[in-house]
Amino acid sequence: MEEIADEALVEKFGIAIRLVEDSGTYIVQQAPVDQEGKYNENEFRVFGGPVGYVSSEFDDEDDAQKFFNDIQILSNDQLSERYPKMWII
């Protein structure tokens, strides 16, 4: 797994996010952040994914990068509207 974008803290949601590439699939992952702004590298996982939802895995790097960037700039409501079957936090 290769990291495509630097990990970013998204304090408004209490998560860290990263964008990685694995065998031609681009994956946006999240990890919970503690009160001190720290997170465990082993806790990164995809967004969404349960039955009835899609996960944050993309065939196109641009689509993955857009989701990664949107998490940092959009509100919870905007993300829920734009990514209704993926944005679960």
N, C-alpha and C. Protein backbone atom coordinates (compact mmCIF):
# COMPACT_ATOMS: atom_id res chain seq x y z
N MET A 1 0.86 -1.17 0.00
CA MET A 1 0.00 0.00 0.00
C MET A 1 0.90 1.23 0.00
N GLU A 2 0.64 2.14 -0.93
CA GLU A 2 1.43 3.36 -1.05
C GLU A 2 0.59 4.58 -0.69
N GLU A 3 1.15 5.44 0.16
CA GLU A 3 0.44 6.65 0.54
C GLU A 3 0.54 7.67 -0.59
N ILE A 4 -0.62 8.18 -1.05
CA ILE A 4 -0.68 9.13 -2.16
C ILE A 4 -0.68 10.57 -1.65
N ALA A 5 -1.36 10.83 -0.55
CA ALA A 5 -1.44 12.18 0.04
C ALA A 5 -1.05 12.09 1.50
N ASP A 6 -0.45 13.15 2.00
CA ASP A 6 -0.08 13.19 3.41
C ASP A 6 -1.32 13.03 4.28
N GLU A 7 -1.14 12.35 5.40
CA GLU A 7 -2.24 12.21 6.36
C GLU A 7 -2.65 13.60 6.82
N ALA A 8 -3.93 13.76 7.08
CA ALA A 8 -4.45 15.06 7.52
C ALA A 8 -5.36 14.86 8.72
N LEU A 9 -5.23 15.75 9.70
CA LEU A 9 -6.15 15.76 10.83
C LEU A 9 -7.36 16.60 10.44
N VAL A 10 -8.54 16.07 10.70
CA VAL A 10 -9.78 16.81 10.44
C VAL A 10 -10.46 16.95 11.80
N GLU A 11 -10.06 17.98 12.52
CA GLU A 11 -10.50 18.15 13.90
C GLU A 11 -12.01 18.25 14.04
N LYS A 12 -12.68 18.88 13.09
CA LYS A 12 -14.13 19.05 13.21
C LYS A 12 -14.87 17.72 13.27
N PHE A 13 -14.26 16.65 12.76
CA PHE A 13 -14.88 15.33 12.80
C PHE A 13 -14.15 14.37 13.75
N GLY A 14 -13.04 14.82 14.33
CA GLY A 14 -12.28 13.97 15.25
C GLY A 14 -11.64 12.78 14.59
N ILE A 15 -11.17 12.98 13.35
CA ILE A 15 -10.54 11.89 12.60
C ILE A 15 -9.26 12.36 11.92
N ALA A 16 -8.44 11.40 11.58
CA ALA A 16 -7.32 11.60 10.68
C ALA A 16 -7.70 10.88 9.39
N ILE A 17 -7.27 11.41 8.26
CA ILE A 17 -7.57 10.75 6.99
C ILE A 17 -6.29 10.59 6.19
N ARG A 18 -6.31 9.62 5.29
CA ARG A 18 -5.19 9.44 4.38
C ARG A 18 -5.72 8.86 3.07
N LEU A 19 -4.94 9.04 2.03
CA LEU A 19 -5.26 8.52 0.70
C LEU A 19 -4.13 7.58 0.31
N VAL A 20 -4.49 6.34 0.04
CA VAL A 20 -3.49 5.33 -0.32
C VAL A 20 -3.90 4.65 -1.62
N GLU A 21 -2.91 4.04 -2.27
CA GLU A 21 -3.15 3.26 -3.48
C GLU A 21 -2.75 1.83 -3.19
N ASP A 22 -3.61 0.90 -3.58
CA ASP A 22 -3.33 -0.52 -3.38
C ASP A 22 -3.80 -1.28 -4.60
N SER A 23 -2.87 -1.79 -5.37
CA SER A 23 -3.17 -2.60 -6.56
C SER A 23 -4.11 -1.88 -7.52
N GLY A 24 -3.87 -0.61 -7.77
CA GLY A 24 -4.67 0.15 -8.72
C GLY A 24 -5.97 0.70 -8.18
N THR A 25 -6.23 0.51 -6.90
CA THR A 25 -7.42 1.06 -6.25
C THR A 25 -6.96 2.17 -5.31
N TYR A 26 -7.68 3.29 -5.35
CA TYR A 26 -7.36 4.45 -4.51
C TYR A 26 -8.34 4.47 -3.35
N ILE A 27 -7.81 4.51 -2.14
CA ILE A 27 -8.63 4.32 -0.95
C ILE A 27 -8.45 5.49 0.01
N VAL A 28 -9.56 6.10 0.41
CA VAL A 28 -9.54 7.13 1.44
C VAL A 28 -9.92 6.44 2.75
N GLN A 29 -9.04 6.58 3.73
CA GLN A 29 -9.24 5.91 5.01
C GLN A 29 -9.32 6.92 6.14
N GLN A 30 -9.93 6.50 7.23
CA GLN A 30 -10.06 7.33 8.43
C GLN A 30 -9.60 6.56 9.66
N ALA A 31 -9.15 7.32 10.66
CA ALA A 31 -8.81 6.75 11.96
C ALA A 31 -9.28 7.73 13.03
N PRO A 32 -9.80 7.23 14.13
CA PRO A 32 -10.23 8.13 15.21
C PRO A 32 -9.03 8.83 15.83
N VAL A 33 -9.26 10.07 16.28
CA VAL A 33 -8.21 10.87 16.92
C VAL A 33 -8.60 11.06 18.38
N ASP A 34 -7.61 10.92 19.26
CA ASP A 34 -7.90 11.10 20.69
C ASP A 34 -7.85 12.59 21.06
N GLN A 35 -8.06 12.88 22.33
CA GLN A 35 -8.12 14.26 22.83
C GLN A 35 -6.82 15.03 22.56
N GLU A 36 -5.73 14.32 22.44
CA GLU A 36 -4.43 14.96 22.22
C GLU A 36 -4.08 15.08 20.74
N GLY A 37 -5.01 14.68 19.86
CA GLY A 37 -4.76 14.76 18.43
C GLY A 37 -3.91 13.63 17.89
N LYS A 38 -3.86 12.53 18.63
CA LYS A 38 -3.07 11.37 18.22
C LYS A 38 -3.98 10.27 17.71
N TYR A 39 -3.43 9.45 16.84
CA TYR A 39 -4.18 8.32 16.29
C TYR A 39 -3.24 7.15 16.09
N ASN A 40 -3.82 5.98 15.99
CA ASN A 40 -3.07 4.75 15.82
C ASN A 40 -3.06 4.37 14.34
N GLU A 41 -1.89 4.19 13.78
CA GLU A 41 -1.76 3.81 12.36
C GLU A 41 -2.53 2.53 12.04
N ASN A 42 -2.69 1.66 13.02
CA ASN A 42 -3.37 0.38 12.80
C ASN A 42 -4.89 0.50 12.78
N GLU A 43 -5.42 1.70 13.06
CA GLU A 43 -6.87 1.87 13.13
C GLU A 43 -7.47 2.50 11.88
N PHE A 44 -6.68 2.74 10.85
CA PHE A 44 -7.23 3.30 9.61
C PHE A 44 -8.16 2.28 8.95
N ARG A 45 -9.32 2.78 8.48
CA ARG A 45 -10.30 1.93 7.79
C ARG A 45 -11.04 2.80 6.76
N VAL A 46 -11.74 2.16 5.86
CA VAL A 46 -12.48 2.89 4.83
C VAL A 46 -13.72 3.55 5.42
N PHE A 47 -14.23 4.54 4.72
CA PHE A 47 -15.53 5.13 5.04
C PHE A 47 -16.59 4.22 4.46
N GLY A 48 -17.78 4.21 5.06
CA GLY A 48 -18.89 3.42 4.54
C GLY A 48 -18.57 1.94 4.61
N GLY A 49 -19.16 1.20 3.69
CA GLY A 49 -18.87 -0.21 3.60
C GLY A 49 -19.91 -1.17 4.13
N PRO A 50 -20.76 -0.79 5.14
CA PRO A 50 -21.74 -1.77 5.61
C PRO A 50 -22.80 -2.04 4.54
N VAL A 51 -23.61 -3.02 4.76
CA VAL A 51 -24.64 -3.42 3.80
C VAL A 51 -25.47 -2.19 3.40
N GLY A 52 -25.65 -2.00 2.09
CA GLY A 52 -26.43 -0.88 1.59
C GLY A 52 -25.61 0.37 1.33
N TYR A 53 -24.33 0.33 1.65
CA TYR A 53 -23.45 1.47 1.46
C TYR A 53 -22.28 1.07 0.57
N VAL A 54 -21.60 2.08 0.05
CA VAL A 54 -20.38 1.84 -0.71
C VAL A 54 -19.20 2.28 0.14
N SER A 55 -18.06 1.72 -0.11
CA SER A 55 -16.88 2.11 0.65
C SER A 55 -16.09 3.17 -0.11
N SER A 56 -15.15 3.78 0.56
CA SER A 56 -14.37 4.87 -0.02
C SER A 56 -13.17 4.33 -0.80
N GLU A 57 -13.47 3.42 -1.73
CA GLU A 57 -12.48 2.86 -2.63
C GLU A 57 -12.84 3.30 -4.05
N PHE A 58 -11.86 3.82 -4.78
CA PHE A 58 -12.10 4.41 -6.08
C PHE A 58 -11.16 3.80 -7.13
N ASP A 59 -11.67 3.67 -8.35
CA ASP A 59 -10.82 3.24 -9.47
C ASP A 59 -10.02 4.40 -10.02
N ASP A 60 -10.53 5.62 -9.82
CA ASP A 60 -9.92 6.81 -10.38
C ASP A 60 -9.27 7.65 -9.26
N GLU A 61 -8.00 7.97 -9.42
CA GLU A 61 -7.29 8.74 -8.40
C GLU A 61 -7.91 10.13 -8.19
N ASP A 62 -8.39 10.76 -9.27
CA ASP A 62 -9.00 12.09 -9.14
C ASP A 62 -10.25 12.05 -8.27
N ASP A 63 -11.07 11.00 -8.43
CA ASP A 63 -12.28 10.86 -7.60
C ASP A 63 -11.91 10.68 -6.12
N ALA A 64 -10.88 9.88 -5.88
CA ALA A 64 -10.43 9.66 -4.50
C ALA A 64 -9.87 10.96 -3.91
N GLN A 65 -9.10 11.69 -4.71
CA GLN A 65 -8.53 12.95 -4.24
C GLN A 65 -9.62 13.97 -3.93
N LYS A 66 -10.68 13.98 -4.75
CA LYS A 66 -11.80 14.90 -4.51
C LYS A 66 -12.47 14.60 -3.18
N PHE A 67 -12.75 13.32 -2.91
CA PHE A 67 -13.36 12.94 -1.64
C PHE A 67 -12.44 13.32 -0.48
N PHE A 68 -11.17 13.02 -0.61
CA PHE A 68 -10.17 13.35 0.41
C PHE A 68 -10.19 14.85 0.71
N ASN A 69 -10.19 15.67 -0.32
CA ASN A 69 -10.21 17.13 -0.15
C ASN A 69 -11.54 17.62 0.42
N ASP A 70 -12.64 17.05 -0.08
CA ASP A 70 -13.97 17.46 0.39
C ASP A 70 -14.13 17.24 1.89
N ILE A 71 -13.58 16.16 2.41
CA ILE A 71 -13.68 15.89 3.85
C ILE A 71 -13.08 17.03 4.65
N GLN A 72 -12.04 17.63 4.12
CA GLN A 72 -11.33 18.69 4.83
C GLN A 72 -12.04 20.04 4.75
N ILE A 73 -12.86 20.25 3.71
CA ILE A 73 -13.44 21.59 3.53
C ILE A 73 -14.95 21.67 3.68
N LEU A 74 -15.66 20.56 3.52
CA LEU A 74 -17.12 20.59 3.57
C LEU A 74 -17.63 20.28 4.97
N SER A 75 -18.86 20.69 5.22
CA SER A 75 -19.52 20.39 6.50
C SER A 75 -20.06 18.96 6.49
N ASN A 76 -20.47 18.49 7.64
CA ASN A 76 -21.07 17.17 7.75
C ASN A 76 -22.31 17.06 6.85
N ASP A 77 -23.16 18.07 6.88
CA ASP A 77 -24.37 18.06 6.05
C ASP A 77 -24.04 18.03 4.56
N GLN A 78 -23.05 18.81 4.16
CA GLN A 78 -22.65 18.84 2.75
C GLN A 78 -22.08 17.49 2.32
N LEU A 79 -21.29 16.88 3.18
CA LEU A 79 -20.73 15.56 2.85
C LEU A 79 -21.82 14.51 2.79
N SER A 80 -22.78 14.57 3.71
CA SER A 80 -23.89 13.61 3.70
C SER A 80 -24.72 13.74 2.43
N GLU A 81 -24.87 14.96 1.95
CA GLU A 81 -25.63 15.19 0.73
C GLU A 81 -24.85 14.74 -0.51
N ARG A 82 -23.57 15.03 -0.54
CA ARG A 82 -22.75 14.70 -1.71
C ARG A 82 -22.39 13.22 -1.77
N TYR A 83 -22.21 12.59 -0.62
CA TYR A 83 -21.79 11.18 -0.55
C TYR A 83 -22.74 10.41 0.38
N PRO A 84 -24.03 10.32 0.03
CA PRO A 84 -25.01 9.74 0.96
C PRO A 84 -24.80 8.27 1.30
N LYS A 85 -24.16 7.52 0.45
CA LYS A 85 -23.97 6.10 0.72
C LYS A 85 -22.55 5.78 1.16
N MET A 86 -21.75 6.83 1.41
CA MET A 86 -20.37 6.62 1.83
C MET A 86 -20.05 7.37 3.12
N TRP A 87 -20.58 8.56 3.27
CA TRP A 87 -20.22 9.40 4.42
C TRP A 87 -20.96 8.94 5.66
N ILE A 88 -20.31 8.11 6.43
CA ILE A 88 -20.86 7.60 7.70
C ILE A 88 -19.80 7.88 8.75
N ILE A 89 -20.11 8.72 9.67
CA ILE A 89 -19.12 9.05 10.69
C ILE A 89 -19.79 9.15 12.05
